[in-house]
Every structure is written in C-alpha cells, then in structure tokens.
Amino acid sequence: FWTIGCPRRVSGLAVGDNCLLAAMFSGSLRVFSLPSHNEQVNIHLKVLLPPQSPVIVNFMGLAASRRALYVVNLRQGEILHEVPLLFAARPCIVAEGQAVFVQCDEAIRVW
C-alpha cells in the first residue's frame, strides 16, 4: 500500500510508460516513476486545473486548464506546447493513434 502526500486537491490521474501523472488543482503536474513511486518532476503550469482525465503518450503528458491544452515532456519536466481551447469546465482528453481529442463544453477539438 502506498500513499502520495498531496496537501492540495488532485484534479486527475493518468498512468502510462511506467509513470503516474497527478494533475493538481493548483496547476502543477507531479510525475512519479512506477513501481518505485519516486517523484521525478513537478511541472508548474501557472493555471488552475479543473477535474479531468489527463493522458500519457510516449512520455508526454496531456492535461488541460479551462482554456488550454498542455503537452509536457514527463522526463525533462518542460512544457512543449500550450494549445488554446474553447471553454471546458471539465475537459476530457483521449488519445488514439496519432490523434488527440479534447471534449470542451460545446465542441470536441481534434489534433
């Protein structure tokens, strides 16, 4: 049994590529290696993150604020892209093959 100490609220979790990605309401993305559970990086996006389902694809994390999709390098802890979104109170992110789908309140964006 293992517990992550999270003094702030968690907005969503993703697992993939031997990583656990915790999107925090405060705007940080915490990355833990699996199965060791050691924290690897802590990325500060400087925006609040609503409840969501972040995604991990090829050591890249995808997380969304209410107005932007963030693509981050989970190994190096850097923001690769910030993509504008339509308003999304509870964004839902899905990756399938080369496509990324983000459900906003009134539309679904596809890349």
PDB file of N, CA and C in Angstrom:
ATOM      1  N   PHE A   1       0.850  -1.181   0.000  1.00  0.00           N
ATOM      2  CA  PHE A   1       0.000   0.000   0.000  1.00  0.00           C
ATOM      3  C   PHE A   1       0.885   1.229   0.000  1.00  0.00           C
ATOM      4  N   TRP A   2       0.522   2.219  -0.815  1.00  0.00           N
ATOM      5  CA  TRP A   2       1.342   3.418  -0.982  1.00  0.00           C
ATOM      6  C   TRP A   2       0.436   4.633  -1.042  1.00  0.00           C
ATOM      7  N   THR A   3       0.833   5.720  -0.408  1.00  0.00           N
ATOM      8  CA  THR A   3       0.046   6.953  -0.398  1.00  0.00           C
ATOM      9  C   THR A   3       0.912   8.102  -0.865  1.00  0.00           C
ATOM     10  N   ILE A   4       0.375   8.902  -1.805  1.00  0.00           N
ATOM     11  CA  ILE A   4       1.056  10.116  -2.242  1.00  0.00           C
ATOM     12  C   ILE A   4       0.600  11.232  -1.321  1.00  0.00           C
ATOM     13  N   GLY A   5       1.537  11.946  -0.741  1.00  0.00           N
ATOM     14  CA  GLY A   5       1.182  13.092   0.080  1.00  0.00           C
ATOM     15  C   GLY A   5       0.788  14.258  -0.811  1.00  0.00           C
ATOM     16  N   CYS A   6      -0.482  14.596  -0.817  1.00  0.00           N
ATOM     17  CA  CYS A   6      -0.986  15.674  -1.672  1.00  0.00           C
ATOM     18  C   CYS A   6      -1.761  16.665  -0.818  1.00  0.00           C
ATOM     19  N   PRO A   7      -1.091  17.697  -0.319  1.00  0.00           N
ATOM     20  CA  PRO A   7      -1.799  18.672   0.511  1.00  0.00           C
ATOM     21  C   PRO A   7      -2.851  19.444  -0.282  1.00  0.00           C
ATOM     22  N   ARG A   8      -2.718  19.460  -1.604  1.00  0.00           N
ATOM     23  CA  ARG A   8      -3.697  20.135  -2.445  1.00  0.00           C
ATOM     24  C   ARG A   8      -4.555  19.101  -3.152  1.00  0.00           C
ATOM     25  N   ARG A   9      -5.671  19.527  -3.653  1.00  0.00           N
ATOM     26  CA  ARG A   9      -6.624  18.646  -4.320  1.00  0.00           C
ATOM     27  C   ARG A   9      -6.087  18.117  -5.650  1.00  0.00           C
ATOM     28  N   VAL A  10      -6.310  16.826  -5.898  1.00  0.00           N
ATOM     29  CA  VAL A  10      -5.925  16.202  -7.156  1.00  0.00           C
ATOM     30  C   VAL A  10      -7.085  16.344  -8.137  1.00  0.00           C
ATOM     31  N   SER A  11      -6.797  16.847  -9.355  1.00  0.00           N
ATOM     32  CA  SER A  11      -7.830  17.005 -10.379  1.00  0.00           C
ATOM     33  C   SER A  11      -7.971  15.781 -11.256  1.00  0.00           C
ATOM     34  N   GLY A  12      -6.910  14.975 -11.376  1.00  0.00           N
ATOM     35  CA  GLY A  12      -6.988  13.779 -12.191  1.00  0.00           C
ATOM     36  C   GLY A  12      -5.676  13.012 -12.198  1.00  0.00           C
ATOM     37  N   LEU A  13      -5.766  11.740 -12.547  1.00  0.00           N
ATOM     38  CA  LEU A  13      -4.600  10.858 -12.588  1.00  0.00           C
ATOM     39  C   LEU A  13      -4.509  10.161 -13.937  1.00  0.00           C
ATOM     40  N   ALA A  14      -3.278   9.872 -14.348  1.00  0.00           N
ATOM     41  CA  ALA A  14      -3.030   9.063 -15.541  1.00  0.00           C
ATOM     42  C   ALA A  14      -1.858   8.150 -15.256  1.00  0.00           C
ATOM     43  N   VAL A  15      -1.877   6.965 -15.859  1.00  0.00           N
ATOM     44  CA  VAL A  15      -0.792   6.009 -15.725  1.00  0.00           C
ATOM     45  C   VAL A  15      -0.382   5.554 -17.115  1.00  0.00           C
ATOM     46  N   GLY A  16       0.928   5.496 -17.360  1.00  0.00           N
ATOM     47  CA  GLY A  16       1.451   5.013 -18.628  1.00  0.00           C
ATOM     48  C   GLY A  16       2.950   5.194 -18.680  1.00  0.00           C
ATOM     49  N   ASP A  17       3.606   4.395 -19.521  1.00  0.00           N
ATOM     50  CA  ASP A  17       5.058   4.495 -19.697  1.00  0.00           C
ATOM     51  C   ASP A  17       5.803   4.438 -18.365  1.00  0.00           C
ATOM     52  N   ASN A  18       5.329   3.591 -17.451  1.00  0.00           N
ATOM     53  CA  ASN A  18       5.930   3.430 -16.116  1.00  0.00           C
ATOM     54  C   ASN A  18       5.936   4.718 -15.316  1.00  0.00           C
ATOM     55  N   CYS A  19       4.913   5.555 -15.546  1.00  0.00           N
ATOM     56  CA  CYS A  19       4.772   6.826 -14.819  1.00  0.00           C
ATOM     57  C   CYS A  19       3.356   6.964 -14.281  1.00  0.00           C
ATOM     58  N   LEU A  20       3.246   7.688 -13.173  1.00  0.00           N
ATOM     59  CA  LEU A  20       1.959   8.144 -12.661  1.00  0.00           C
ATOM     60  C   LEU A  20       1.971   9.658 -12.766  1.00  0.00           C
ATOM     61  N   LEU A  21       0.979  10.221 -13.434  1.00  0.00           N
ATOM     62  CA  LEU A  21       0.851  11.672 -13.594  1.00  0.00           C
ATOM     63  C   LEU A  21      -0.314  12.141 -12.740  1.00  0.00           C
ATOM     64  N   ALA A  22      -0.048  13.011 -11.797  1.00  0.00           N
ATOM     65  CA  ALA A  22      -1.089  13.592 -10.947  1.00  0.00           C
ATOM     66  C   ALA A  22      -1.254  15.060 -11.325  1.00  0.00           C
ATOM     67  N   ALA A  23      -2.423  15.393 -11.883  1.00  0.00           N
ATOM     68  CA  ALA A  23      -2.747  16.781 -12.208  1.00  0.00           C
ATOM     69  C   ALA A  23      -3.377  17.396 -10.962  1.00  0.00           C
ATOM     70  N   MET A  24      -2.743  18.418 -10.418  1.00  0.00           N
ATOM     71  CA  MET A  24      -3.196  19.041  -9.183  1.00  0.00           C
ATOM     72  C   MET A  24      -4.052  20.267  -9.491  1.00  0.00           C
ATOM     73  N   PHE A  25      -5.095  20.488  -8.701  1.00  0.00           N
ATOM     74  CA  PHE A  25      -5.971  21.637  -8.895  1.00  0.00           C
ATOM     75  C   PHE A  25      -5.181  22.943  -8.916  1.00  0.00           C
ATOM     76  N   SER A  26      -4.109  23.006  -8.145  1.00  0.00           N
ATOM     77  CA  SER A  26      -3.299  24.226  -8.028  1.00  0.00           C
ATOM     78  C   SER A  26      -2.523  24.559  -9.302  1.00  0.00           C
ATOM     79  N   GLY A  27      -2.505  23.635 -10.274  1.00  0.00           N
ATOM     80  CA  GLY A  27      -1.836  23.919 -11.540  1.00  0.00           C
ATOM     81  C   GLY A  27      -0.511  23.222 -11.736  1.00  0.00           C
ATOM     82  N   SER A  28      -0.157  22.316 -10.856  1.00  0.00           N
ATOM     83  CA  SER A  28       1.092  21.591 -11.062  1.00  0.00           C
ATOM     84  C   SER A  28       0.795  20.171 -11.533  1.00  0.00           C
ATOM     85  N   LEU A  29       1.748  19.617 -12.265  1.00  0.00           N
ATOM     86  CA  LEU A  29       1.704  18.229 -12.694  1.00  0.00           C
ATOM     87  C   LEU A  29       2.841  17.508 -11.975  1.00  0.00           C
ATOM     88  N   ARG A  30       2.495  16.524 -11.165  1.00  0.00           N
ATOM     89  CA  ARG A  30       3.503  15.754 -10.426  1.00  0.00           C
ATOM     90  C   ARG A  30       3.668  14.413 -11.121  1.00  0.00           C
ATOM     91  N   VAL A  31       4.909  14.033 -11.389  1.00  0.00           N
ATOM     92  CA  VAL A  31       5.208  12.798 -12.107  1.00  0.00           C
ATOM     93  C   VAL A  31       5.997  11.868 -11.189  1.00  0.00           C
ATOM     94  N   PHE A  32       5.488  10.643 -11.038  1.00  0.00           N
ATOM     95  CA  PHE A  32       6.117   9.632 -10.195  1.00  0.00           C
ATOM     96  C   PHE A  32       6.506   8.441 -11.062  1.00  0.00           C
ATOM     97  N   SER A  33       7.678   7.853 -10.799  1.00  0.00           N
ATOM     98  CA  SER A  33       8.074   6.650 -11.530  1.00  0.00           C
ATOM     99  C   SER A  33       7.377   5.443 -10.899  1.00  0.00           C
ATOM    100  N   LEU A  34       7.060   4.487 -11.723  1.00  0.00           N
ATOM    101  CA  LEU A  34       6.459   3.242 -11.251  1.00  0.00           C
ATOM    102  C   LEU A  34       7.385   2.092 -11.598  1.00  0.00           C
ATOM    103  N   PRO A  35       7.584   1.126 -10.760  1.00  0.00           N
ATOM    104  CA  PRO A  35       6.876   0.884  -9.498  1.00  0.00           C
ATOM    105  C   PRO A  35       7.541   1.498  -8.262  1.00  0.00           C
ATOM    106  N   SER A  36       8.606   2.293  -8.413  1.00  0.00           N
ATOM    107  CA  SER A  36       9.336   2.806  -7.247  1.00  0.00           C
ATOM    108  C   SER A  36       8.578   3.894  -6.486  1.00  0.00           C
ATOM    109  N   HIS A  37       7.658   4.594  -7.153  1.00  0.00           N
ATOM    110  CA  HIS A  37       6.869   5.680  -6.558  1.00  0.00           C
ATOM    111  C   HIS A  37       7.692   6.910  -6.200  1.00  0.00           C
ATOM    112  N   ASN A  38       8.880   7.034  -6.751  1.00  0.00           N
ATOM    113  CA  ASN A  38       9.702   8.224  -6.507  1.00  0.00           C
ATOM    114  C   ASN A  38       9.215   9.363  -7.382  1.00  0.00           C
ATOM    115  N   GLU A  39       9.100  10.556  -6.787  1.00  0.00           N
ATOM    116  CA  GLU A  39       8.687  11.708  -7.583  1.00  0.00           C
ATOM    117  C   GLU A  39       9.841  12.110  -8.500  1.00  0.00           C
ATOM    118  N   GLN A  40       9.546  12.218  -9.793  1.00  0.00           N
ATOM    119  CA  GLN A  40      10.561  12.535 -10.797  1.00  0.00           C
ATOM    120  C   GLN A  40      10.613  14.024 -11.106  1.00  0.00           C
ATOM    121  N   VAL A  41       9.473  14.605 -11.445  1.00  0.00           N
ATOM    122  CA  VAL A  41       9.417  16.036 -11.777  1.00  0.00           C
ATOM    123  C   VAL A  41       8.128  16.628 -11.244  1.00  0.00           C
ATOM    124  N   ASN A  42       8.141  17.945 -11.099  1.00  0.00           N
ATOM    125  CA  ASN A  42       6.972  18.712 -10.693  1.00  0.00           C
ATOM    126  C   ASN A  42       6.913  19.903 -11.639  1.00  0.00           C
ATOM    127  N   ILE A  43       5.908  19.943 -12.495  1.00  0.00           N
ATOM    128  CA  ILE A  43       5.795  20.969 -13.526  1.00  0.00           C
ATOM    129  C   ILE A  43       4.701  21.953 -13.117  1.00  0.00           C
ATOM    130  N   HIS A  44       5.011  23.236 -13.078  1.00  0.00           N
ATOM    131  CA  HIS A  44       4.037  24.261 -12.691  1.00  0.00           C
ATOM    132  C   HIS A  44       3.496  24.936 -13.951  1.00  0.00           C
ATOM    133  N   LEU A  45       2.182  24.790 -14.190  1.00  0.00           N
ATOM    134  CA  LEU A  45       1.555  25.370 -15.381  1.00  0.00           C
ATOM    135  C   LEU A  45       1.063  26.800 -15.162  1.00  0.00           C
ATOM    136  N   LYS A  46       0.983  27.247 -13.920  1.00  0.00           N
ATOM    137  CA  LYS A  46       0.559  28.609 -13.562  1.00  0.00           C
ATOM    138  C   LYS A  46      -0.896  28.894 -13.923  1.00  0.00           C
ATOM    139  N   VAL A  47      -1.721  27.848 -13.968  1.00  0.00           N
ATOM    140  CA  VAL A  47      -3.172  27.968 -14.153  1.00  0.00           C
ATOM    141  C   VAL A  47      -3.832  26.907 -13.270  1.00  0.00           C
ATOM    142  N   LEU A  48      -5.083  27.121 -12.907  1.00  0.00           N
ATOM    143  CA  LEU A  48      -5.817  26.110 -12.154  1.00  0.00           C
ATOM    144  C   LEU A  48      -6.249  24.996 -13.099  1.00  0.00           C
ATOM    145  N   LEU A  49      -6.244  23.767 -12.605  1.00  0.00           N
ATOM    146  CA  LEU A  49      -6.640  22.624 -13.427  1.00  0.00           C
ATOM    147  C   LEU A  49      -7.961  22.056 -12.904  1.00  0.00           C
ATOM    148  N   PRO A  50      -8.997  22.068 -13.732  1.00  0.00           N
ATOM    149  CA  PRO A  50     -10.287  21.524 -13.315  1.00  0.00           C
ATOM    150  C   PRO A  50     -10.250  19.998 -13.284  1.00  0.00           C
ATOM    151  N   PRO A  51     -11.283  19.352 -12.720  1.00  0.00           N
ATOM    152  CA  PRO A  51     -11.337  17.887 -12.760  1.00  0.00           C
ATOM    153  C   PRO A  51     -11.244  17.391 -14.200  1.00  0.00           C
ATOM    154  N   GLN A  52     -10.445  16.348 -14.422  1.00  0.00           N
ATOM    155  CA  GLN A  52     -10.188  15.878 -15.778  1.00  0.00           C
ATOM    156  C   GLN A  52      -9.560  14.507 -15.755  1.00  0.00           C
ATOM    157  N   SER A  53      -9.325  13.974 -16.944  1.00  0.00           N
ATOM    158  CA  SER A  53      -8.599  12.721 -17.130  1.00  0.00           C
ATOM    159  C   SER A  53      -7.374  13.018 -17.972  1.00  0.00           C
ATOM    160  N   PRO A  54      -6.236  13.341 -17.355  1.00  0.00           N
ATOM    161  CA  PRO A  54      -5.030  13.584 -18.146  1.00  0.00           C
ATOM    162  C   PRO A  54      -4.618  12.295 -18.854  1.00  0.00           C
ATOM    163  N   VAL A  55      -3.712  12.411 -19.812  1.00  0.00           N
ATOM    164  CA  VAL A  55      -3.291  11.266 -20.619  1.00  0.00           C
ATOM    165  C   VAL A  55      -1.771  11.250 -20.716  1.00  0.00           C
ATOM    166  N   ILE A  56      -1.190  10.051 -20.771  1.00  0.00           N
ATOM    167  CA  ILE A  56       0.248   9.881 -21.010  1.00  0.00           C
ATOM    168  C   ILE A  56       0.418   9.122 -22.317  1.00  0.00           C
ATOM    169  N   VAL A  57       1.219   9.696 -23.235  1.00  0.00           N
ATOM    170  CA  VAL A  57       1.526   9.054 -24.515  1.00  0.00           C
ATOM    171  C   VAL A  57       3.009   9.271 -24.807  1.00  0.00           C
ATOM    172  N   ASN A  58       3.776   8.197 -24.916  1.00  0.00           N
ATOM    173  CA  ASN A  58       5.201   8.283 -25.249  1.00  0.00           C
ATOM    174  C   ASN A  58       5.958   9.284 -24.372  1.00  0.00           C
ATOM    175  N   PHE A  59       5.790   9.166 -23.076  1.00  0.00           N
ATOM    176  CA  PHE A  59       6.447  10.026 -22.085  1.00  0.00           C
ATOM    177  C   PHE A  59       6.072  11.499 -22.222  1.00  0.00           C
ATOM    178  N   MET A  60       4.930  11.767 -22.851  1.00  0.00           N
ATOM    179  CA  MET A  60       4.380  13.120 -22.894  1.00  0.00           C
ATOM    180  C   MET A  60       3.066  13.106 -22.123  1.00  0.00           C
ATOM    181  N   GLY A  61       2.865  14.111 -21.306  1.00  0.00           N
ATOM    182  CA  GLY A  61       1.626  14.243 -20.569  1.00  0.00           C
ATOM    183  C   GLY A  61       0.734  15.266 -21.244  1.00  0.00           C
ATOM    184  N   LEU A  62      -0.558  14.974 -21.290  1.00  0.00           N
ATOM    185  CA  LEU A  62      -1.551  15.899 -21.826  1.00  0.00           C
ATOM    186  C   LEU A  62      -2.504  16.236 -20.696  1.00  0.00           C
ATOM    187  N   ALA A  63      -2.607  17.518 -20.379  1.00  0.00           N
ATOM    188  CA  ALA A  63      -3.513  17.988 -19.335  1.00  0.00           C
ATOM    189  C   ALA A  63      -4.112  19.303 -19.807  1.00  0.00           C
ATOM    190  N   ALA A  64      -5.278  19.647 -19.258  1.00  0.00           N
ATOM    191  CA  ALA A  64      -5.970  20.840 -19.746  1.00  0.00           C
ATOM    192  C   ALA A  64      -6.411  21.738 -18.601  1.00  0.00           C
ATOM    193  N   SER A  65      -6.307  23.042 -18.856  1.00  0.00           N
ATOM    194  CA  SER A  65      -6.961  24.025 -17.996  1.00  0.00           C
ATOM    195  C   SER A  65      -8.339  24.256 -18.615  1.00  0.00           C
ATOM    196  N   ARG A  66      -9.043  25.256 -18.159  1.00  0.00           N
ATOM    197  CA  ARG A  66     -10.362  25.533 -18.752  1.00  0.00           C
ATOM    198  C   ARG A  66     -10.251  26.157 -20.142  1.00  0.00           C
ATOM    199  N   ARG A  67      -9.069  26.673 -20.500  1.00  0.00           N
ATOM    200  CA  ARG A  67      -8.896  27.372 -21.778  1.00  0.00           C
ATOM    201  C   ARG A  67      -7.721  26.894 -22.625  1.00  0.00           C
ATOM    202  N   ALA A  68      -6.948  25.891 -22.160  1.00  0.00           N
ATOM    203  CA  ALA A  68      -5.777  25.467 -22.929  1.00  0.00           C
ATOM    204  C   ALA A  68      -5.445  24.003 -22.668  1.00  0.00           C
ATOM    205  N   LEU A  69      -4.873  23.371 -23.692  1.00  0.00           N
ATOM    206  CA  LEU A  69      -4.333  22.020 -23.582  1.00  0.00           C
ATOM    207  C   LEU A  69      -2.817  22.152 -23.460  1.00  0.00           C
ATOM    208  N   TYR A  70      -2.235  21.452 -22.500  1.00  0.00           N
ATOM    209  CA  TYR A  70      -0.790  21.498 -22.286  1.00  0.00           C
ATOM    210  C   TYR A  70      -0.177  20.145 -22.638  1.00  0.00           C
ATOM    211  N   VAL A  71       0.887  20.182 -23.413  1.00  0.00           N
ATOM    212  CA  VAL A  71       1.667  18.994 -23.747  1.00  0.00           C
ATOM    213  C   VAL A  71       3.011  19.159 -23.053  1.00  0.00           C
ATOM    214  N   VAL A  72       3.332  18.224 -22.166  1.00  0.00           N
ATOM    215  CA  VAL A  72       4.555  18.352 -21.374  1.00  0.00           C
ATOM    216  C   VAL A  72       5.434  17.117 -21.533  1.00  0.00           C
ATOM    217  N   ASN A  73       6.737  17.329 -21.480  1.00  0.00           N
ATOM    218  CA  ASN A  73       7.704  16.249 -21.504  1.00  0.00           C
ATOM    219  C   ASN A  73       7.846  15.745 -20.074  1.00  0.00           C
ATOM    220  N   LEU A  74       7.430  14.501 -19.832  1.00  0.00           N
ATOM    221  CA  LEU A  74       7.440  13.975 -18.469  1.00  0.00           C
ATOM    222  C   LEU A  74       8.836  13.603 -17.984  1.00  0.00           C
ATOM    223  N   ARG A  75       9.753  13.372 -18.871  1.00  0.00           N
ATOM    224  CA  ARG A  75      11.130  13.038 -18.470  1.00  0.00           C
ATOM    225  C   ARG A  75      11.907  14.269 -18.041  1.00  0.00           C
ATOM    226  N   GLN A  76      11.738  15.362 -18.782  1.00  0.00           N
ATOM    227  CA  GLN A  76      12.530  16.562 -18.523  1.00  0.00           C
ATOM    228  C   GLN A  76      11.754  17.647 -17.782  1.00  0.00           C
ATOM    229  N   GLY A  77      10.450  17.457 -17.626  1.00  0.00           N
ATOM    230  CA  GLY A  77       9.654  18.414 -16.872  1.00  0.00           C
ATOM    231  C   GLY A  77       9.476  19.753 -17.544  1.00  0.00           C
ATOM    232  N   GLU A  78       9.324  19.751 -18.870  1.00  0.00           N
ATOM    233  CA  GLU A  78       9.151  21.022 -19.573  1.00  0.00           C
ATOM    234  C   GLU A  78       7.863  21.029 -20.387  1.00  0.00           C
ATOM    235  N   ILE A  79       7.301  22.220 -20.523  1.00  0.00           N
ATOM    236  CA  ILE A  79       6.089  22.403 -21.321  1.00  0.00           C
ATOM    237  C   ILE A  79       6.507  22.495 -22.783  1.00  0.00           C
ATOM    238  N   LEU A  80       5.975  21.590 -23.607  1.00  0.00           N
ATOM    239  CA  LEU A  80       6.314  21.581 -25.028  1.00  0.00           C
ATOM    240  C   LEU A  80       5.375  22.461 -25.848  1.00  0.00           C
ATOM    241  N   HIS A  81       4.065  22.407 -25.527  1.00  0.00           N
ATOM    242  CA  HIS A  81       3.067  23.187 -26.266  1.00  0.00           C
ATOM    243  C   HIS A  81       1.950  23.620 -25.332  1.00  0.00           C
ATOM    244  N   GLU A  82       1.413  24.802 -25.593  1.00  0.00           N
ATOM    245  CA  GLU A  82       0.196  25.282 -24.952  1.00  0.00           C
ATOM    246  C   GLU A  82      -0.764  25.624 -26.078  1.00  0.00           C
ATOM    247  N   VAL A  83      -1.845  24.843 -26.200  1.00  0.00           N
ATOM    248  CA  VAL A  83      -2.784  24.979 -27.310  1.00  0.00           C
ATOM    249  C   VAL A  83      -4.090  25.570 -26.797  1.00  0.00           C
ATOM    250  N   PRO A  84      -4.572  26.686 -27.379  1.00  0.00           N
ATOM    251  CA  PRO A  84      -5.833  27.280 -26.930  1.00  0.00           C
ATOM    252  C   PRO A  84      -7.014  26.324 -27.132  1.00  0.00           C
ATOM    253  N   LEU A  85      -7.950  26.347 -26.183  1.00  0.00           N
ATOM    254  CA  LEU A  85      -9.170  25.544 -26.252  1.00  0.00           C
ATOM    255  C   LEU A  85     -10.385  26.430 -26.121  1.00  0.00           C
ATOM    256  N   LEU A  86     -11.526  25.917 -26.561  1.00  0.00           N
ATOM    257  CA  LEU A  86     -12.795  26.517 -26.197  1.00  0.00           C
ATOM    258  C   LEU A  86     -12.994  26.238 -24.711  1.00  0.00           C
ATOM    259  N   PHE A  87     -13.882  26.969 -24.053  1.00  0.00           N
ATOM    260  CA  PHE A  87     -14.062  26.789 -22.614  1.00  0.00           C
ATOM    261  C   PHE A  87     -14.440  25.343 -22.290  1.00  0.00           C
ATOM    262  N   ALA A  88     -13.804  24.792 -21.264  1.00  0.00           N
ATOM    263  CA  ALA A  88     -14.084  23.435 -20.814  1.00  0.00           C
ATOM    264  C   ALA A  88     -14.086  23.403 -19.294  1.00  0.00           C
ATOM    265  N   ALA A  89     -15.272  23.293 -18.692  1.00  0.00           N
ATOM    266  CA  ALA A  89     -15.362  23.222 -17.237  1.00  0.00           C
ATOM    267  C   ALA A  89     -14.764  21.922 -16.715  1.00  0.00           C
ATOM    268  N   ARG A  90     -14.952  20.824 -17.453  1.00  0.00           N
ATOM    269  CA  ARG A  90     -14.386  19.508 -17.120  1.00  0.00           C
ATOM    270  C   ARG A  90     -13.841  18.888 -18.392  1.00  0.00           C
ATOM    271  N   PRO A  91     -12.648  19.283 -18.834  1.00  0.00           N
ATOM    272  CA  PRO A  91     -12.121  18.752 -20.087  1.00  0.00           C
ATOM    273  C   PRO A  91     -11.897  17.242 -20.008  1.00  0.00           C
ATOM    274  N   CYS A  92     -12.129  16.583 -21.118  1.00  0.00           N
ATOM    275  CA  CYS A  92     -11.869  15.152 -21.232  1.00  0.00           C
ATOM    276  C   CYS A  92     -10.908  14.965 -22.398  1.00  0.00           C
ATOM    277  N   ILE A  93      -9.779  14.310 -22.144  1.00  0.00           N
ATOM    278  CA  ILE A  93      -8.725  14.134 -23.153  1.00  0.00           C
ATOM    279  C   ILE A  93      -8.631  12.650 -23.495  1.00  0.00           C
ATOM    280  N   VAL A  94      -8.607  12.368 -24.804  1.00  0.00           N
ATOM    281  CA  VAL A  94      -8.456  10.992 -25.273  1.00  0.00           C
ATOM    282  C   VAL A  94      -7.431  10.992 -26.392  1.00  0.00           C
ATOM    283  N   ALA A  95      -6.491  10.040 -26.358  1.00  0.00           N
ATOM    284  CA  ALA A  95      -5.507   9.894 -27.430  1.00  0.00           C
ATOM    285  C   ALA A  95      -5.732   8.539 -28.089  1.00  0.00           C
ATOM    286  N   GLU A  96      -5.770   8.552 -29.424  1.00  0.00           N
ATOM    287  CA  GLU A  96      -5.937   7.320 -30.196  1.00  0.00           C
ATOM    288  C   GLU A  96      -5.040   7.403 -31.411  1.00  0.00           C
ATOM    289  N   GLY A  97      -4.004   6.563 -31.450  1.00  0.00           N
ATOM    290  CA  GLY A  97      -3.044   6.629 -32.545  1.00  0.00           C
ATOM    291  C   GLY A  97      -2.355   7.984 -32.544  1.00  0.00           C
ATOM    292  N   GLN A  98      -2.385   8.667 -33.665  1.00  0.00           N
ATOM    293  CA  GLN A  98      -1.766   9.984 -33.796  1.00  0.00           C
ATOM    294  C   GLN A  98      -2.721  11.122 -33.444  1.00  0.00           C
ATOM    295  N   ALA A  99      -3.981  10.828 -33.133  1.00  0.00           N
ATOM    296  CA  ALA A  99      -4.989  11.867 -32.878  1.00  0.00           C
ATOM    297  C   ALA A  99      -5.189  12.094 -31.377  1.00  0.00           C
ATOM    298  N   VAL A 100      -5.446  13.353 -31.036  1.00  0.00           N
ATOM    299  CA  VAL A 100      -5.797  13.733 -29.671  1.00  0.00           C
ATOM    300  C   VAL A 100      -7.152  14.429 -29.735  1.00  0.00           C
ATOM    301  N   PHE A 101      -8.086  13.973 -28.904  1.00  0.00           N
ATOM    302  CA  PHE A 101      -9.428  14.545 -28.833  1.00  0.00           C
ATOM    303  C   PHE A 101      -9.596  15.199 -27.470  1.00  0.00           C
ATOM    304  N   VAL A 102     -10.132  16.423 -27.455  1.00  0.00           N
ATOM    305  CA  VAL A 102     -10.411  17.111 -26.195  1.00  0.00           C
ATOM    306  C   VAL A 102     -11.864  17.570 -26.225  1.00  0.00           C
ATOM    307  N   GLN A 103     -12.638  17.069 -25.268  1.00  0.00           N
ATOM    308  CA  GLN A 103     -14.032  17.470 -25.165  1.00  0.00           C
ATOM    309  C   GLN A 103     -14.114  18.758 -24.363  1.00  0.00           C
ATOM    310  N   CYS A 104     -14.618  19.807 -25.011  1.00  0.00           N
ATOM    311  CA  CYS A 104     -14.879  21.082 -24.351  1.00  0.00           C
ATOM    312  C   CYS A 104     -16.385  21.136 -24.074  1.00  0.00           C
ATOM    313  N   ASP A 105     -16.878  22.229 -23.524  1.00  0.00           N
ATOM    314  CA  ASP A 105     -18.299  22.302 -23.184  1.00  0.00           C
ATOM    315  C   ASP A 105     -19.197  22.259 -24.416  1.00  0.00           C
ATOM    316  N   GLU A 106     -18.796  22.892 -25.506  1.00  0.00           N
ATOM    317  CA  GLU A 106     -19.675  22.989 -26.660  1.00  0.00           C
ATOM    318  C   GLU A 106     -19.097  22.383 -27.934  1.00  0.00           C
ATOM    319  N   ALA A 107     -17.953  21.725 -27.842  1.00  0.00           N
ATOM    320  CA  ALA A 107     -17.340  21.161 -29.043  1.00  0.00           C
ATOM    321  C   ALA A 107     -16.287  20.133 -28.642  1.00  0.00           C
ATOM    322  N   ILE A 108     -15.867  19.347 -29.609  1.00  0.00           N
ATOM    323  CA  ILE A 108     -14.743  18.436 -29.439  1.00  0.00           C
ATOM    324  C   ILE A 108     -13.645  18.886 -30.383  1.00  0.00           C
ATOM    325  N   ARG A 109     -12.460  19.167 -29.839  1.00  0.00           N
ATOM    326  CA  ARG A 109     -11.309  19.569 -30.674  1.00  0.00           C
ATOM    327  C   ARG A 109     -10.490  18.339 -31.000  1.00  0.00           C
ATOM    328  N   VAL A 110      -9.981  18.282 -32.231  1.00  0.00           N
ATOM    329  CA  VAL A 110      -9.186  17.141 -32.684  1.00  0.00           C
ATOM    330  C   VAL A 110      -7.891  17.655 -33.277  1.00  0.00           C
ATOM    331  N   TRP A 111      -6.757  17.000 -32.913  1.00  0.00           N
ATOM    332  CA  TRP A 111      -5.451  17.323 -33.492  1.00  0.00           C
ATOM    333  C   TRP A 111      -4.859  16.078 -34.075  1.00  0.00           C
TER     334      TRP A 111
END
